[in-house]
């Protein structure tokens, strides 16, 4: 059983974990502000997102994993806030959101996992 726990996941599966973890980060971070998200959902999303990020970091570079995870959360929670606040958004804010998105994609495309 120890062998199975030490075995690293594939790079593509690790990226899947990062994406799911980033989406769950949007849920729990938004849950801190909006009462429509039940506290139990916030707690489950929080714990699951960090578990997935920890698993992904065993295969992928930790700096890239965390940057993509945090960037997805930032981007997602900003979009949630724009939608829930009635669509108030400036052109400059859109530019920065798109820049953040480009950086996240760039990190993903330029990273090399530690798999051999």
N, C-alpha and C. Protein backbone atom coordinates (compact mmCIF):
# COMPACT_ATOMS: atom_id res chain seq x y z
N UNK A 1 0.81 -1.19 0.00
CA UNK A 1 0.00 0.00 0.00
C UNK A 1 0.86 1.26 0.00
N UNK A 2 2.02 1.20 0.63
CA UNK A 2 2.91 2.34 0.65
C UNK A 2 3.41 2.66 -0.76
N UNK A 3 3.67 1.61 -1.56
CA UNK A 3 4.10 1.82 -2.93
C UNK A 3 3.09 2.63 -3.71
N UNK A 4 1.83 2.28 -3.55
CA UNK A 4 0.78 2.98 -4.27
C UNK A 4 0.71 4.45 -3.85
N UNK A 5 0.91 4.75 -2.58
CA UNK A 5 0.85 6.12 -2.09
C UNK A 5 2.02 6.95 -2.61
N UNK A 6 3.19 6.31 -2.80
CA UNK A 6 4.37 7.01 -3.26
C UNK A 6 4.38 7.22 -4.77
N UNK A 7 3.57 6.48 -5.50
CA UNK A 7 3.54 6.55 -6.95
C UNK A 7 2.97 7.89 -7.40
N UNK A 8 3.64 8.53 -8.31
CA UNK A 8 3.20 9.83 -8.82
C UNK A 8 2.14 9.63 -9.89
N UNK A 9 1.25 10.59 -9.97
CA UNK A 9 0.22 10.56 -10.99
C UNK A 9 0.79 11.11 -12.30
N UNK A 10 0.10 10.88 -13.40
CA UNK A 10 0.58 11.39 -14.68
C UNK A 10 0.46 12.92 -14.70
N UNK A 11 1.22 13.52 -15.59
CA UNK A 11 1.22 14.98 -15.69
C UNK A 11 -0.16 15.49 -16.12
N UNK A 12 -0.81 14.81 -17.05
CA UNK A 12 -2.12 15.27 -17.49
C UNK A 12 -3.16 15.14 -16.38
N UNK A 13 -3.08 14.09 -15.59
CA UNK A 13 -3.99 13.95 -14.45
C UNK A 13 -3.71 15.02 -13.40
N UNK A 14 -2.44 15.34 -13.19
CA UNK A 14 -2.08 16.40 -12.24
C UNK A 14 -2.66 17.73 -12.69
N UNK A 15 -2.60 18.03 -13.98
CA UNK A 15 -3.20 19.28 -14.48
C UNK A 15 -4.71 19.26 -14.31
N UNK A 16 -5.31 18.09 -14.46
CA UNK A 16 -6.75 17.98 -14.20
C UNK A 16 -7.06 18.32 -12.75
N UNK A 17 -6.22 17.85 -11.84
CA UNK A 17 -6.39 18.16 -10.42
C UNK A 17 -6.27 19.67 -10.17
N UNK A 18 -5.31 20.31 -10.85
CA UNK A 18 -5.13 21.75 -10.68
C UNK A 18 -6.37 22.49 -11.15
N UNK A 19 -6.91 22.10 -12.29
CA UNK A 19 -8.10 22.77 -12.83
C UNK A 19 -9.30 22.57 -11.89
N UNK A 20 -9.53 21.34 -11.45
CA UNK A 20 -10.65 21.08 -10.54
C UNK A 20 -10.44 21.83 -9.23
N UNK A 21 -9.20 21.80 -8.71
CA UNK A 21 -8.89 22.54 -7.48
C UNK A 21 -9.12 24.03 -7.64
N UNK A 22 -8.75 24.59 -8.79
CA UNK A 22 -8.97 26.00 -9.05
C UNK A 22 -10.45 26.35 -9.11
N UNK A 23 -11.25 25.47 -9.72
CA UNK A 23 -12.69 25.69 -9.77
C UNK A 23 -13.31 25.62 -8.37
N UNK A 24 -12.82 24.67 -7.58
CA UNK A 24 -13.32 24.57 -6.20
C UNK A 24 -12.89 25.78 -5.37
N UNK A 25 -11.74 26.36 -5.70
CA UNK A 25 -11.32 27.57 -4.99
C UNK A 25 -12.30 28.70 -5.24
N UNK A 26 -12.81 28.78 -6.45
CA UNK A 26 -13.82 29.81 -6.77
C UNK A 26 -15.04 29.61 -5.88
N UNK A 27 -15.44 28.36 -5.69
CA UNK A 27 -16.61 28.06 -4.86
C UNK A 27 -16.38 28.51 -3.42
N UNK A 28 -15.25 28.06 -2.82
CA UNK A 28 -15.08 28.38 -1.41
C UNK A 28 -14.76 29.85 -1.17
N UNK A 29 -14.01 30.47 -2.07
CA UNK A 29 -13.71 31.89 -1.89
C UNK A 29 -14.98 32.74 -2.04
N UNK A 30 -15.82 32.37 -3.00
CA UNK A 30 -17.09 33.09 -3.18
C UNK A 30 -18.01 32.85 -1.99
N UNK A 31 -17.92 31.67 -1.41
CA UNK A 31 -18.74 31.33 -0.25
C UNK A 31 -18.45 32.19 0.97
N UNK A 32 -17.25 32.77 1.04
CA UNK A 32 -16.93 33.66 2.16
C UNK A 32 -17.74 34.95 2.07
N UNK A 33 -18.13 35.34 0.85
CA UNK A 33 -18.84 36.60 0.66
C UNK A 33 -20.35 36.42 0.47
N UNK A 34 -20.74 35.36 -0.22
CA UNK A 34 -22.14 35.20 -0.59
C UNK A 34 -22.81 34.10 0.24
N UNK A 35 -23.86 34.46 0.95
CA UNK A 35 -24.56 33.52 1.82
C UNK A 35 -25.32 32.45 1.05
N UNK A 36 -25.47 32.61 -0.26
CA UNK A 36 -26.17 31.62 -1.08
C UNK A 36 -25.41 30.29 -1.11
N UNK A 37 -24.13 30.33 -0.79
CA UNK A 37 -23.32 29.11 -0.77
C UNK A 37 -23.26 28.62 0.67
N UNK A 38 -23.85 27.44 0.94
CA UNK A 38 -23.90 26.92 2.31
C UNK A 38 -22.50 26.68 2.90
N UNK A 39 -22.33 26.91 4.19
CA UNK A 39 -21.02 26.72 4.83
C UNK A 39 -20.43 25.32 4.63
N UNK A 40 -21.26 24.29 4.62
CA UNK A 40 -20.73 22.93 4.43
C UNK A 40 -20.14 22.77 3.03
N UNK A 41 -20.73 23.42 2.04
CA UNK A 41 -20.20 23.38 0.67
C UNK A 41 -18.87 24.11 0.63
N UNK A 42 -18.78 25.24 1.33
CA UNK A 42 -17.53 26.00 1.40
C UNK A 42 -16.42 25.14 2.02
N UNK A 43 -16.74 24.48 3.12
CA UNK A 43 -15.74 23.64 3.80
C UNK A 43 -15.29 22.47 2.93
N UNK A 44 -16.22 21.79 2.31
CA UNK A 44 -15.87 20.64 1.45
C UNK A 44 -15.04 21.11 0.26
N UNK A 45 -15.44 22.22 -0.36
CA UNK A 45 -14.69 22.75 -1.50
C UNK A 45 -13.28 23.16 -1.08
N UNK A 46 -13.15 23.78 0.09
CA UNK A 46 -11.85 24.21 0.60
C UNK A 46 -10.92 23.02 0.80
N UNK A 47 -11.39 22.02 1.52
CA UNK A 47 -10.56 20.86 1.81
C UNK A 47 -10.21 20.07 0.56
N UNK A 48 -11.19 19.90 -0.32
CA UNK A 48 -10.95 19.14 -1.54
C UNK A 48 -9.99 19.87 -2.47
N UNK A 49 -10.14 21.19 -2.58
CA UNK A 49 -9.25 21.94 -3.48
C UNK A 49 -7.79 21.83 -3.02
N UNK A 50 -7.56 21.95 -1.73
CA UNK A 50 -6.18 21.86 -1.25
C UNK A 50 -5.64 20.43 -1.37
N UNK A 51 -6.48 19.43 -1.17
CA UNK A 51 -6.05 18.05 -1.36
C UNK A 51 -5.61 17.82 -2.81
N UNK A 52 -6.39 18.32 -3.75
CA UNK A 52 -6.05 18.15 -5.16
C UNK A 52 -4.76 18.89 -5.53
N UNK A 53 -4.57 20.07 -4.97
CA UNK A 53 -3.36 20.84 -5.26
C UNK A 53 -2.13 20.14 -4.68
N UNK A 54 -2.27 19.59 -3.50
CA UNK A 54 -1.16 18.85 -2.88
C UNK A 54 -0.79 17.65 -3.75
N UNK A 55 -1.80 16.93 -4.23
CA UNK A 55 -1.54 15.77 -5.09
C UNK A 55 -0.86 16.18 -6.40
N UNK A 56 -1.34 17.29 -7.00
CA UNK A 56 -0.77 17.76 -8.26
C UNK A 56 0.68 18.21 -8.07
N UNK A 57 0.97 18.81 -6.92
CA UNK A 57 2.32 19.34 -6.66
C UNK A 57 3.36 18.24 -6.51
N UNK A 58 2.92 17.01 -6.32
CA UNK A 58 3.87 15.90 -6.25
C UNK A 58 4.42 15.54 -7.62
N UNK A 59 3.74 16.00 -8.68
CA UNK A 59 4.16 15.71 -10.04
C UNK A 59 4.64 16.96 -10.77
N UNK A 60 3.95 18.07 -10.58
CA UNK A 60 4.24 19.31 -11.29
C UNK A 60 5.04 20.26 -10.40
N UNK A 61 5.72 21.24 -11.00
CA UNK A 61 6.46 22.23 -10.20
C UNK A 61 5.51 23.02 -9.28
N UNK A 62 5.83 23.10 -8.02
CA UNK A 62 4.95 23.71 -7.03
C UNK A 62 4.66 25.18 -7.33
N UNK A 63 5.63 25.92 -7.80
CA UNK A 63 5.40 27.33 -8.11
C UNK A 63 4.38 27.51 -9.21
N UNK A 64 4.47 26.69 -10.23
CA UNK A 64 3.53 26.75 -11.34
C UNK A 64 2.15 26.30 -10.89
N UNK A 65 2.09 25.22 -10.12
CA UNK A 65 0.80 24.72 -9.62
C UNK A 65 0.10 25.79 -8.80
N UNK A 66 0.82 26.39 -7.88
CA UNK A 66 0.19 27.38 -7.01
C UNK A 66 -0.20 28.63 -7.79
N UNK A 67 0.64 29.06 -8.72
CA UNK A 67 0.32 30.25 -9.51
C UNK A 67 -0.94 30.03 -10.35
N UNK A 68 -1.05 28.88 -10.97
CA UNK A 68 -2.23 28.58 -11.78
C UNK A 68 -3.46 28.45 -10.89
N UNK A 69 -3.32 27.74 -9.77
CA UNK A 69 -4.42 27.57 -8.81
C UNK A 69 -4.92 28.93 -8.30
N UNK A 70 -4.01 29.76 -7.85
CA UNK A 70 -4.38 31.08 -7.32
C UNK A 70 -4.91 31.99 -8.43
N UNK A 71 -4.32 31.90 -9.60
CA UNK A 71 -4.79 32.71 -10.72
C UNK A 71 -6.19 32.33 -11.15
N UNK A 72 -6.47 31.03 -11.20
CA UNK A 72 -7.82 30.59 -11.53
C UNK A 72 -8.82 31.07 -10.49
N UNK A 73 -8.44 30.99 -9.23
CA UNK A 73 -9.31 31.45 -8.16
C UNK A 73 -9.57 32.94 -8.25
N UNK A 74 -8.53 33.71 -8.52
CA UNK A 74 -8.66 35.15 -8.65
C UNK A 74 -9.55 35.51 -9.83
N UNK A 75 -9.26 34.89 -10.95
CA UNK A 75 -10.04 35.14 -12.16
C UNK A 75 -11.50 34.74 -11.96
N UNK A 76 -11.72 33.56 -11.40
CA UNK A 76 -13.08 33.06 -11.20
C UNK A 76 -13.88 33.88 -10.21
N UNK A 77 -13.27 34.22 -9.08
CA UNK A 77 -14.01 34.99 -8.09
C UNK A 77 -14.29 36.41 -8.59
N UNK A 78 -13.41 36.95 -9.40
CA UNK A 78 -13.66 38.26 -10.01
C UNK A 78 -14.86 38.18 -10.95
N UNK A 79 -14.91 37.13 -11.75
CA UNK A 79 -16.04 36.95 -12.67
C UNK A 79 -17.34 36.74 -11.89
N UNK A 80 -17.29 35.93 -10.83
CA UNK A 80 -18.49 35.73 -9.99
C UNK A 80 -18.96 37.06 -9.43
N UNK A 81 -18.03 37.86 -8.94
CA UNK A 81 -18.41 39.15 -8.36
C UNK A 81 -19.01 40.08 -9.42
N UNK A 82 -18.45 40.08 -10.62
CA UNK A 82 -18.99 40.91 -11.70
C UNK A 82 -20.42 40.47 -12.03
N UNK A 83 -20.64 39.18 -12.13
CA UNK A 83 -21.97 38.66 -12.46
C UNK A 83 -22.96 38.95 -11.34
N UNK A 84 -22.56 38.70 -10.09
CA UNK A 84 -23.49 38.88 -8.97
C UNK A 84 -23.70 40.34 -8.60
N UNK A 85 -22.81 41.22 -9.03
CA UNK A 85 -22.98 42.64 -8.69
C UNK A 85 -23.73 43.40 -9.77
N UNK A 86 -24.21 42.71 -10.77
CA UNK A 86 -24.99 43.37 -11.81
C UNK A 86 -24.18 43.77 -13.03
N UNK A 87 -23.00 43.21 -13.19
CA UNK A 87 -22.23 43.44 -14.39
C UNK A 87 -21.40 44.72 -14.42
N UNK A 88 -21.12 45.31 -13.27
CA UNK A 88 -20.30 46.52 -13.22
C UNK A 88 -18.84 46.16 -13.45
N UNK A 89 -18.31 46.57 -14.60
CA UNK A 89 -16.92 46.26 -14.90
C UNK A 89 -16.36 47.34 -15.83
N UNK A 90 -15.13 47.75 -15.54
CA UNK A 90 -14.49 48.78 -16.37
C UNK A 90 -13.64 48.10 -17.44
N UNK A 91 -13.31 48.87 -18.45
CA UNK A 91 -12.46 48.35 -19.51
C UNK A 91 -11.09 47.95 -18.99
N UNK A 92 -10.56 48.73 -18.06
CA UNK A 92 -9.25 48.42 -17.48
C UNK A 92 -9.29 47.11 -16.70
N UNK A 93 -10.38 46.88 -16.00
CA UNK A 93 -10.51 45.63 -15.26
C UNK A 93 -10.52 44.43 -16.22
N UNK A 94 -11.20 44.57 -17.34
CA UNK A 94 -11.22 43.50 -18.35
C UNK A 94 -9.82 43.25 -18.89
N UNK A 95 -9.06 44.31 -19.13
CA UNK A 95 -7.68 44.17 -19.61
C UNK A 95 -6.85 43.36 -18.61
N UNK A 96 -6.98 43.68 -17.33
CA UNK A 96 -6.20 42.95 -16.32
C UNK A 96 -6.66 41.50 -16.18
N UNK A 97 -7.95 41.27 -16.29
CA UNK A 97 -8.47 39.90 -16.23
C UNK A 97 -7.91 39.08 -17.40
N UNK A 98 -7.93 39.65 -18.59
CA UNK A 98 -7.40 38.95 -19.76
C UNK A 98 -5.89 38.74 -19.66
N UNK A 99 -5.19 39.71 -19.07
CA UNK A 99 -3.75 39.56 -18.85
C UNK A 99 -3.47 38.41 -17.88
N UNK A 100 -4.25 38.34 -16.81
CA UNK A 100 -4.11 37.25 -15.85
C UNK A 100 -4.38 35.91 -16.52
N UNK A 101 -5.42 35.85 -17.33
CA UNK A 101 -5.75 34.62 -18.04
C UNK A 101 -4.60 34.21 -18.98
N UNK A 102 -4.03 35.17 -19.68
CA UNK A 102 -2.91 34.88 -20.58
C UNK A 102 -1.71 34.36 -19.80
N UNK A 103 -1.46 34.91 -18.62
CA UNK A 103 -0.34 34.45 -17.78
C UNK A 103 -0.58 33.02 -17.28
N UNK A 104 -1.81 32.71 -16.90
CA UNK A 104 -2.13 31.35 -16.45
C UNK A 104 -1.89 30.36 -17.58
N UNK A 105 -2.38 30.69 -18.76
CA UNK A 105 -2.19 29.80 -19.92
C UNK A 105 -0.71 29.68 -20.25
N UNK A 106 0.01 30.80 -20.19
CA UNK A 106 1.45 30.77 -20.46
C UNK A 106 2.21 29.90 -19.48
N UNK A 107 1.86 29.97 -18.20
CA UNK A 107 2.51 29.11 -17.20
C UNK A 107 2.24 27.64 -17.50
N UNK A 108 1.02 27.32 -17.84
CA UNK A 108 0.66 25.94 -18.14
C UNK A 108 1.44 25.44 -19.34
N UNK A 109 1.49 26.25 -20.40
CA UNK A 109 2.17 25.83 -21.63
C UNK A 109 3.69 25.76 -21.49
N UNK A 110 4.25 26.58 -20.63
CA UNK A 110 5.70 26.62 -20.51
C UNK A 110 6.25 25.70 -19.41
N UNK A 111 5.38 25.11 -18.61
CA UNK A 111 5.89 24.28 -17.52
C UNK A 111 6.25 22.90 -18.01
N UNK A 112 7.21 22.34 -17.33
CA UNK A 112 7.61 20.96 -17.59
C UNK A 112 7.54 20.24 -16.26
N UNK A 113 6.78 19.15 -16.23
CA UNK A 113 6.64 18.36 -15.00
C UNK A 113 7.94 17.68 -14.66
N UNK A 114 7.98 17.12 -13.48
CA UNK A 114 9.18 16.43 -13.04
C UNK A 114 9.15 14.96 -13.43
N UNK A 115 8.15 14.55 -14.24
CA UNK A 115 8.08 13.17 -14.71
C UNK A 115 9.19 12.91 -15.72
N UNK A 116 9.67 11.70 -15.72
CA UNK A 116 10.67 11.33 -16.70
C UNK A 116 10.12 10.35 -17.69
